[in-house]
N, C-alpha and C. Protein backbone atom coordinates (compact mmCIF):
# COMPACT_ATOMS: atom_id res chain seq x y z
N UNK A 1 0.80 -1.21 -0.03
CA UNK A 1 -0.02 0.02 -0.01
C UNK A 1 0.92 1.29 0.02
N UNK A 2 0.53 2.18 -0.88
CA UNK A 2 1.33 3.44 -0.95
C UNK A 2 1.10 4.29 0.27
N UNK A 3 2.20 5.00 0.66
CA UNK A 3 2.06 5.93 1.77
C UNK A 3 1.24 7.17 1.39
N UNK A 4 0.86 7.89 2.40
CA UNK A 4 -0.02 9.05 2.16
C UNK A 4 0.62 10.06 1.25
N UNK A 5 1.91 10.35 1.48
CA UNK A 5 2.62 11.33 0.68
C UNK A 5 2.59 10.98 -0.87
N UNK A 6 2.85 9.67 -1.10
CA UNK A 6 2.80 9.21 -2.49
C UNK A 6 1.43 9.34 -3.09
N UNK A 7 0.41 9.02 -2.34
CA UNK A 7 -0.95 9.16 -2.73
C UNK A 7 -1.26 10.61 -3.06
N UNK A 8 -0.87 11.49 -2.20
CA UNK A 8 -1.16 12.95 -2.36
C UNK A 8 -0.37 13.39 -3.68
N UNK A 9 0.87 13.05 -3.78
CA UNK A 9 1.65 13.44 -4.94
C UNK A 9 0.99 12.98 -6.28
N UNK A 10 0.64 11.75 -6.31
CA UNK A 10 0.05 11.18 -7.52
C UNK A 10 -1.28 11.79 -7.83
N UNK A 11 -2.13 11.98 -6.79
CA UNK A 11 -3.43 12.57 -6.93
C UNK A 11 -3.37 14.00 -7.41
N UNK A 12 -2.51 14.78 -6.91
CA UNK A 12 -2.39 16.19 -7.29
C UNK A 12 -1.80 16.28 -8.73
N UNK A 13 -0.77 15.49 -9.00
CA UNK A 13 -0.18 15.52 -10.36
C UNK A 13 -1.23 15.08 -11.35
N UNK A 14 -2.00 14.04 -11.10
CA UNK A 14 -3.03 13.55 -12.00
C UNK A 14 -4.09 14.62 -12.21
N UNK A 15 -4.46 15.39 -11.12
CA UNK A 15 -5.36 16.39 -11.23
C UNK A 15 -4.95 17.47 -12.24
N UNK A 16 -3.69 17.96 -12.18
CA UNK A 16 -3.19 18.89 -13.06
C UNK A 16 -3.15 18.37 -14.53
N UNK A 17 -2.84 17.09 -14.67
CA UNK A 17 -2.82 16.50 -16.03
C UNK A 17 -4.26 16.44 -16.56
N UNK A 18 -5.22 16.14 -15.80
CA UNK A 18 -6.62 16.11 -16.27
C UNK A 18 -7.10 17.56 -16.61
N UNK A 19 -6.78 18.49 -15.85
CA UNK A 19 -7.08 19.85 -16.19
C UNK A 19 -6.47 20.22 -17.51
N UNK A 20 -5.22 19.88 -17.70
CA UNK A 20 -4.56 20.22 -19.00
C UNK A 20 -5.22 19.50 -20.19
N UNK A 21 -5.59 18.28 -19.97
CA UNK A 21 -6.23 17.51 -21.06
C UNK A 21 -7.61 18.14 -21.36
N UNK A 22 -8.37 18.57 -20.41
CA UNK A 22 -9.65 19.18 -20.61
C UNK A 22 -9.50 20.52 -21.34
N UNK A 23 -8.46 21.26 -20.95
CA UNK A 23 -8.16 22.52 -21.63
C UNK A 23 -7.90 22.22 -23.14
N UNK A 24 -7.07 21.25 -23.40
CA UNK A 24 -6.73 20.92 -24.83
C UNK A 24 -7.98 20.45 -25.55
N UNK A 25 -8.80 19.66 -24.94
CA UNK A 25 -10.07 19.16 -25.63
C UNK A 25 -10.87 20.32 -26.11
N UNK A 26 -10.99 21.40 -25.30
CA UNK A 26 -11.89 22.53 -25.64
C UNK A 26 -11.19 23.59 -26.49
N UNK A 27 -9.89 23.71 -26.35
CA UNK A 27 -9.20 24.70 -27.13
C UNK A 27 -8.76 24.17 -28.50
N UNK A 28 -8.59 22.84 -28.59
CA UNK A 28 -8.13 22.25 -29.81
C UNK A 28 -8.91 22.67 -31.07
N UNK A 29 -10.24 22.65 -31.07
CA UNK A 29 -11.03 22.94 -32.27
C UNK A 29 -11.02 24.45 -32.65
N UNK A 30 -10.53 25.27 -31.74
CA UNK A 30 -10.56 26.73 -32.00
C UNK A 30 -9.49 27.14 -33.06
N UNK A 31 -9.89 28.06 -33.96
CA UNK A 31 -8.92 28.65 -34.88
C UNK A 31 -8.05 29.63 -34.12
N UNK A 32 -7.00 30.12 -34.76
CA UNK A 32 -6.19 31.13 -34.18
C UNK A 32 -7.03 32.36 -33.86
N UNK A 33 -7.90 32.73 -34.76
CA UNK A 33 -8.70 33.96 -34.56
C UNK A 33 -9.70 33.68 -33.43
N UNK A 34 -10.31 32.56 -33.31
CA UNK A 34 -11.28 32.20 -32.17
C UNK A 34 -10.51 32.19 -30.90
N UNK A 35 -9.30 31.73 -30.87
CA UNK A 35 -8.55 31.60 -29.64
C UNK A 35 -8.35 32.97 -28.97
N UNK A 36 -8.26 34.05 -29.82
CA UNK A 36 -8.05 35.38 -29.30
C UNK A 36 -9.30 36.29 -29.37
N UNK A 37 -10.44 35.68 -29.62
CA UNK A 37 -11.69 36.51 -29.71
C UNK A 37 -12.57 36.20 -28.50
N UNK A 38 -13.09 37.27 -27.90
CA UNK A 38 -14.05 37.12 -26.83
C UNK A 38 -15.43 37.37 -27.40
N UNK A 39 -16.35 36.44 -27.36
CA UNK A 39 -17.67 36.60 -27.94
C UNK A 39 -18.59 37.40 -27.01
N UNK A 40 -18.08 37.80 -25.84
CA UNK A 40 -18.87 38.49 -24.85
C UNK A 40 -18.38 39.86 -24.63
N UNK A 41 -19.21 40.83 -24.15
CA UNK A 41 -18.71 42.15 -23.84
C UNK A 41 -18.02 42.26 -22.52
N UNK A 42 -17.73 41.19 -21.86
CA UNK A 42 -17.07 41.15 -20.59
C UNK A 42 -16.15 39.92 -20.53
N UNK A 43 -15.24 39.94 -19.60
CA UNK A 43 -14.27 38.81 -19.40
C UNK A 43 -13.16 38.79 -20.37
N UNK A 44 -12.63 37.69 -20.53
CA UNK A 44 -11.36 37.48 -21.32
C UNK A 44 -11.60 36.48 -22.44
N UNK A 45 -10.68 36.53 -23.45
CA UNK A 45 -10.71 35.48 -24.47
C UNK A 45 -9.88 34.27 -23.99
N UNK A 46 -10.06 33.23 -24.71
CA UNK A 46 -9.34 31.96 -24.35
C UNK A 46 -7.83 32.11 -24.32
N UNK A 47 -7.27 32.84 -25.21
CA UNK A 47 -5.88 33.00 -25.32
C UNK A 47 -5.30 33.65 -24.03
N UNK A 48 -5.95 34.68 -23.62
CA UNK A 48 -5.45 35.42 -22.40
C UNK A 48 -5.72 34.57 -21.14
N UNK A 49 -6.71 33.79 -21.11
CA UNK A 49 -6.96 32.84 -19.98
C UNK A 49 -5.88 31.88 -19.91
N UNK A 50 -5.42 31.34 -21.04
CA UNK A 50 -4.33 30.37 -21.08
C UNK A 50 -3.02 31.05 -20.60
N UNK A 51 -2.77 32.30 -21.08
CA UNK A 51 -1.59 33.03 -20.63
C UNK A 51 -1.64 33.22 -19.16
N UNK A 52 -2.87 33.54 -18.61
CA UNK A 52 -2.95 33.72 -17.22
C UNK A 52 -2.75 32.44 -16.44
N UNK A 53 -3.30 31.37 -16.80
CA UNK A 53 -3.00 30.05 -16.09
C UNK A 53 -1.52 29.77 -16.12
N UNK A 54 -0.89 29.98 -17.23
CA UNK A 54 0.53 29.69 -17.39
C UNK A 54 1.33 30.53 -16.40
N UNK A 55 1.06 31.86 -16.37
CA UNK A 55 1.74 32.77 -15.47
C UNK A 55 1.50 32.45 -14.02
N UNK A 56 0.23 32.13 -13.73
CA UNK A 56 -0.12 31.76 -12.37
C UNK A 56 0.67 30.60 -11.85
N UNK A 57 0.73 29.59 -12.61
CA UNK A 57 1.48 28.34 -12.23
C UNK A 57 2.90 28.54 -12.19
N UNK A 58 3.45 29.32 -13.14
CA UNK A 58 4.89 29.67 -13.15
C UNK A 58 5.28 30.37 -11.86
N UNK A 59 4.37 31.25 -11.42
CA UNK A 59 4.74 32.05 -10.27
C UNK A 59 4.51 31.30 -8.97
N UNK A 60 3.28 30.84 -8.77
CA UNK A 60 3.04 30.24 -7.43
C UNK A 60 3.71 28.91 -7.19
N UNK A 61 3.88 28.09 -8.21
CA UNK A 61 4.59 26.82 -7.99
C UNK A 61 6.02 26.87 -8.47
N UNK A 62 6.22 27.44 -9.68
CA UNK A 62 7.55 27.48 -10.26
C UNK A 62 8.53 28.34 -9.46
N UNK A 63 8.18 29.65 -9.34
CA UNK A 63 9.04 30.56 -8.69
C UNK A 63 9.12 30.28 -7.18
N UNK A 64 7.97 30.01 -6.60
CA UNK A 64 7.96 29.92 -5.13
C UNK A 64 8.34 28.59 -4.57
N UNK A 65 8.08 27.53 -5.20
CA UNK A 65 8.40 26.18 -4.71
C UNK A 65 9.59 25.61 -5.47
N UNK A 66 9.54 25.59 -6.76
CA UNK A 66 10.62 24.99 -7.54
C UNK A 66 11.84 25.96 -7.72
N UNK A 67 11.71 27.16 -7.35
CA UNK A 67 12.79 28.15 -7.39
C UNK A 67 13.30 28.26 -8.90
N UNK A 68 12.38 28.48 -9.83
CA UNK A 68 12.72 28.62 -11.24
C UNK A 68 13.23 30.00 -11.61
N UNK A 69 13.00 30.97 -10.71
CA UNK A 69 13.40 32.38 -11.05
C UNK A 69 12.41 33.13 -11.88
N UNK A 70 11.27 32.52 -12.10
CA UNK A 70 10.25 33.19 -12.93
C UNK A 70 9.81 34.51 -12.30
N UNK A 71 9.65 35.55 -13.07
CA UNK A 71 9.24 36.84 -12.64
C UNK A 71 7.89 37.06 -13.34
N UNK A 72 6.88 37.29 -12.54
CA UNK A 72 5.48 37.35 -13.08
C UNK A 72 5.19 38.80 -13.47
N UNK A 73 4.53 38.94 -14.60
CA UNK A 73 3.93 40.21 -15.08
C UNK A 73 2.45 39.94 -15.30
N UNK A 74 1.78 39.87 -14.18
CA UNK A 74 0.26 39.48 -14.28
C UNK A 74 -0.54 40.32 -15.22
N UNK A 75 -0.30 41.64 -15.25
CA UNK A 75 -1.12 42.48 -16.12
C UNK A 75 -0.96 42.10 -17.59
N UNK A 76 0.22 41.69 -17.98
CA UNK A 76 0.42 41.30 -19.39
C UNK A 76 -0.37 39.96 -19.72
N UNK A 77 -0.62 39.14 -18.72
CA UNK A 77 -1.34 37.92 -18.98
C UNK A 77 -2.74 38.20 -19.50
N UNK A 78 -3.26 39.43 -19.24
CA UNK A 78 -4.63 39.80 -19.64
C UNK A 78 -4.63 40.85 -20.75
N UNK A 79 -3.41 41.51 -21.04
CA UNK A 79 -3.39 42.64 -21.98
C UNK A 79 -2.43 42.41 -23.12
N UNK A 80 -1.70 41.35 -23.16
CA UNK A 80 -0.71 41.13 -24.23
C UNK A 80 -1.46 41.17 -25.60
N UNK A 81 -1.06 42.11 -26.41
CA UNK A 81 -1.74 42.32 -27.72
C UNK A 81 -1.02 41.63 -28.86
N UNK A 82 0.05 40.87 -28.56
CA UNK A 82 0.79 40.13 -29.63
C UNK A 82 0.01 39.08 -30.27
N UNK A 83 -0.92 38.47 -29.51
CA UNK A 83 -1.70 37.33 -30.00
C UNK A 83 -0.74 36.25 -30.64
N UNK A 84 0.09 35.69 -29.77
CA UNK A 84 1.01 34.71 -30.18
C UNK A 84 0.34 33.52 -30.84
N UNK A 85 1.07 32.73 -31.56
CA UNK A 85 0.39 31.56 -32.22
C UNK A 85 -0.16 30.64 -31.12
N UNK A 86 -1.37 30.15 -31.36
CA UNK A 86 -2.03 29.27 -30.39
C UNK A 86 -1.14 28.08 -29.99
N UNK A 87 -0.43 27.53 -31.00
CA UNK A 87 0.37 26.37 -30.67
C UNK A 87 1.49 26.77 -29.70
N UNK A 88 2.04 27.91 -29.79
CA UNK A 88 3.07 28.41 -28.91
C UNK A 88 2.53 28.61 -27.51
N UNK A 89 1.36 29.19 -27.39
CA UNK A 89 0.78 29.44 -26.02
C UNK A 89 0.43 28.12 -25.40
N UNK A 90 -0.06 27.13 -26.17
CA UNK A 90 -0.39 25.81 -25.61
C UNK A 90 0.94 25.10 -25.23
N UNK A 91 1.93 25.21 -26.03
CA UNK A 91 3.21 24.59 -25.67
C UNK A 91 3.77 25.16 -24.38
N UNK A 92 3.68 26.42 -24.19
CA UNK A 92 4.12 27.04 -22.95
C UNK A 92 3.24 26.59 -21.77
N UNK A 93 1.98 26.38 -21.99
CA UNK A 93 1.10 25.87 -20.93
C UNK A 93 1.53 24.43 -20.59
N UNK A 94 1.73 23.62 -21.61
CA UNK A 94 2.11 22.26 -21.38
C UNK A 94 3.51 22.17 -20.62
N UNK A 95 4.37 23.09 -20.94
CA UNK A 95 5.72 23.10 -20.25
C UNK A 95 5.45 23.40 -18.76
N UNK A 96 4.56 24.36 -18.47
CA UNK A 96 4.34 24.68 -17.01
C UNK A 96 3.66 23.54 -16.33
N UNK A 97 2.77 22.86 -17.01
CA UNK A 97 2.13 21.67 -16.35
C UNK A 97 3.15 20.63 -16.10
N UNK A 98 4.07 20.37 -17.00
CA UNK A 98 5.17 19.41 -16.75
C UNK A 98 6.00 19.88 -15.56
N UNK A 99 6.25 21.14 -15.48
CA UNK A 99 7.07 21.61 -14.30
C UNK A 99 6.26 21.45 -12.99
N UNK A 100 5.02 21.70 -13.04
CA UNK A 100 4.11 21.53 -11.84
C UNK A 100 4.08 20.11 -11.43
N UNK A 101 3.88 19.21 -12.32
CA UNK A 101 3.79 17.76 -11.94
C UNK A 101 5.15 17.24 -11.47
N UNK A 102 6.21 17.70 -12.06
CA UNK A 102 7.51 17.28 -11.63
C UNK A 102 7.77 17.81 -10.19
N UNK A 103 7.39 19.06 -9.94
CA UNK A 103 7.60 19.68 -8.62
C UNK A 103 6.73 18.91 -7.57
N UNK A 104 5.53 18.57 -7.94
CA UNK A 104 4.69 17.85 -7.03
C UNK A 104 5.30 16.51 -6.61
N UNK A 105 5.76 15.83 -7.65
CA UNK A 105 6.37 14.49 -7.41
C UNK A 105 7.61 14.56 -6.53
N UNK A 106 8.21 15.67 -6.38
CA UNK A 106 9.47 15.80 -5.56
C UNK A 106 9.10 16.20 -4.13
N UNK A 107 7.88 16.44 -3.85
CA UNK A 107 7.52 16.91 -2.50
C UNK A 107 7.47 15.72 -1.48
N UNK A 108 8.07 15.97 -0.32
CA UNK A 108 8.02 14.98 0.77
C UNK A 108 6.93 15.49 1.73
N UNK A 109 6.68 14.61 2.73
CA UNK A 109 5.70 15.06 3.77
C UNK A 109 6.11 16.35 4.44
N UNK A 110 7.37 16.50 4.71
CA UNK A 110 7.85 17.71 5.27
C UNK A 110 7.73 18.89 4.29
N UNK A 111 8.00 18.68 3.02
CA UNK A 111 7.88 19.72 2.05
C UNK A 111 6.45 20.24 1.96
N UNK A 112 5.47 19.32 1.98
CA UNK A 112 4.03 19.73 1.89
C UNK A 112 3.60 20.64 3.06
N UNK A 113 4.20 20.50 4.15
CA UNK A 113 3.77 21.28 5.36
C UNK A 113 4.67 22.49 5.55
N UNK A 114 5.67 22.68 4.63
CA UNK A 114 6.57 23.84 4.73
C UNK A 114 5.80 25.16 4.59
N UNK A 115 6.19 26.15 5.29
CA UNK A 115 5.48 27.41 5.23
C UNK A 115 5.55 28.03 3.82
N UNK A 116 4.54 28.70 3.44
CA UNK A 116 4.47 29.21 2.11
C UNK A 116 4.06 30.67 2.16
N UNK A 117 4.62 31.48 1.32
CA UNK A 117 4.22 32.90 1.25
C UNK A 117 4.48 33.40 -0.15
N UNK A 118 3.52 34.14 -0.68
CA UNK A 118 3.68 34.75 -1.98
C UNK A 118 2.66 35.88 -2.13
N UNK A 119 2.95 36.78 -3.02
CA UNK A 119 2.07 37.96 -3.20
C UNK A 119 0.75 37.50 -3.80
N UNK A 120 -0.35 37.94 -3.24
CA UNK A 120 -1.69 37.65 -3.75
C UNK A 120 -2.36 36.47 -3.20
N UNK A 121 -1.76 35.75 -2.31
CA UNK A 121 -2.49 34.54 -1.75
C UNK A 121 -2.21 34.51 -0.23
N UNK A 122 -3.06 33.79 0.34
CA UNK A 122 -2.96 33.61 1.88
C UNK A 122 -3.01 32.13 2.14
N UNK A 123 -2.04 31.44 1.64
CA UNK A 123 -1.89 29.97 1.84
C UNK A 123 -0.73 29.65 2.81
N UNK A 124 -1.01 28.98 3.87
CA UNK A 124 -0.01 28.80 4.94
C UNK A 124 1.09 27.83 4.55
N UNK A 125 0.82 26.86 3.60
CA UNK A 125 1.81 25.88 3.34
C UNK A 125 1.80 25.47 1.85
N UNK A 126 2.75 24.66 1.45
CA UNK A 126 2.83 24.27 0.06
C UNK A 126 1.64 23.44 -0.39
N UNK A 127 1.11 22.59 0.41
CA UNK A 127 0.02 21.78 0.05
C UNK A 127 -1.21 22.71 -0.31
N UNK A 128 -1.42 23.70 0.58
CA UNK A 128 -2.53 24.62 0.36
C UNK A 128 -2.43 25.44 -0.93
N UNK A 129 -1.23 25.86 -1.32
CA UNK A 129 -1.08 26.64 -2.53
C UNK A 129 -1.26 25.72 -3.80
N UNK A 130 -0.74 24.53 -3.68
CA UNK A 130 -0.92 23.63 -4.85
C UNK A 130 -2.41 23.32 -5.05
N UNK A 131 -3.05 23.06 -3.96
CA UNK A 131 -4.55 22.76 -4.00
C UNK A 131 -5.30 24.03 -4.56
N UNK A 132 -4.92 25.19 -4.08
CA UNK A 132 -5.47 26.45 -4.51
C UNK A 132 -5.28 26.63 -5.99
N UNK A 133 -4.08 26.38 -6.48
CA UNK A 133 -3.73 26.47 -7.91
C UNK A 133 -4.52 25.55 -8.77
N UNK A 134 -4.74 24.32 -8.26
CA UNK A 134 -5.57 23.33 -9.04
C UNK A 134 -7.01 23.84 -9.17
N UNK A 135 -7.55 24.39 -7.98
CA UNK A 135 -8.89 24.88 -8.06
C UNK A 135 -9.03 26.11 -8.96
N UNK A 136 -8.01 26.98 -8.96
CA UNK A 136 -7.98 28.14 -9.80
C UNK A 136 -7.93 27.75 -11.27
N UNK A 137 -7.08 26.80 -11.61
CA UNK A 137 -6.92 26.35 -12.98
C UNK A 137 -8.25 25.75 -13.46
N UNK A 138 -8.90 24.88 -12.62
CA UNK A 138 -10.15 24.25 -12.98
C UNK A 138 -11.22 25.35 -13.25
N UNK A 139 -11.28 26.35 -12.41
CA UNK A 139 -12.26 27.46 -12.55
C UNK A 139 -12.08 28.11 -13.96
N UNK A 140 -10.87 28.43 -14.29
CA UNK A 140 -10.65 29.10 -15.67
C UNK A 140 -10.85 28.12 -16.76
N UNK A 141 -10.57 26.85 -16.63
CA UNK A 141 -10.91 25.90 -17.66
C UNK A 141 -12.40 25.86 -17.88
N UNK A 142 -13.20 26.03 -16.79
CA UNK A 142 -14.65 26.11 -16.94
C UNK A 142 -15.06 27.32 -17.80
N UNK A 143 -14.39 28.45 -17.56
CA UNK A 143 -14.63 29.57 -18.38
C UNK A 143 -14.24 29.37 -19.84
N UNK A 144 -13.18 28.62 -20.10
CA UNK A 144 -12.71 28.31 -21.42
C UNK A 144 -13.73 27.32 -22.10
N UNK A 145 -14.34 26.43 -21.36
CA UNK A 145 -15.37 25.59 -21.94
C UNK A 145 -16.51 26.46 -22.41
N UNK A 146 -16.97 27.43 -21.65
CA UNK A 146 -18.11 28.24 -21.99
C UNK A 146 -17.77 29.06 -23.21
N UNK A 147 -16.54 29.63 -23.23
CA UNK A 147 -16.16 30.43 -24.39
C UNK A 147 -16.07 29.57 -25.66
N UNK A 148 -15.49 28.36 -25.52
CA UNK A 148 -15.40 27.50 -26.67
C UNK A 148 -16.74 27.06 -27.24
N UNK A 149 -17.70 26.77 -26.33
CA UNK A 149 -19.03 26.48 -26.77
C UNK A 149 -19.67 27.64 -27.53
N UNK A 150 -19.41 28.83 -27.05
CA UNK A 150 -20.00 30.01 -27.78
C UNK A 150 -19.33 30.24 -29.09
N UNK A 151 -18.00 30.01 -29.17
CA UNK A 151 -17.28 30.26 -30.41
C UNK A 151 -17.39 29.18 -31.47
N UNK A 152 -17.83 28.01 -31.05
CA UNK A 152 -17.95 26.88 -31.99
C UNK A 152 -19.32 26.20 -31.80
N UNK A 153 -20.46 26.91 -32.11
CA UNK A 153 -21.79 26.36 -31.86
C UNK A 153 -21.94 25.21 -32.84
N UNK A 154 -22.72 24.22 -32.39
CA UNK A 154 -22.97 23.02 -33.29
C UNK A 154 -24.37 23.08 -33.81
């Protein structure tokens, strides 16, 4: 029987992989133009939501736990007007998911309970921030599902 730490590590890593797969399922059919178009007078387009998820994970898990040196520019996640190729944005997202799952798999019981501090969150330990990041990512993937449905009606 696996120990609790291994179970937690596997479960959290699998959660992030499922979130990434769901994002790809819904973003895959979108054209480059649809990826960067918001069909609503409020909120964000899919492209900027993916940039935001990528930046969020790079900062809260990469910079703060994995010590990657990432410097976040949160405002650009929502305002970048370059409209990078969809494939590039998704590749960057996949890279951050790989970093997150690798970081998760390296955590020990002591690591999970280590104190955590970062700008913009009130999570007392590493476990709490990783769980918070998973919930945050799942929330935004839900928004992406709604946008994708609106952009590609059947």
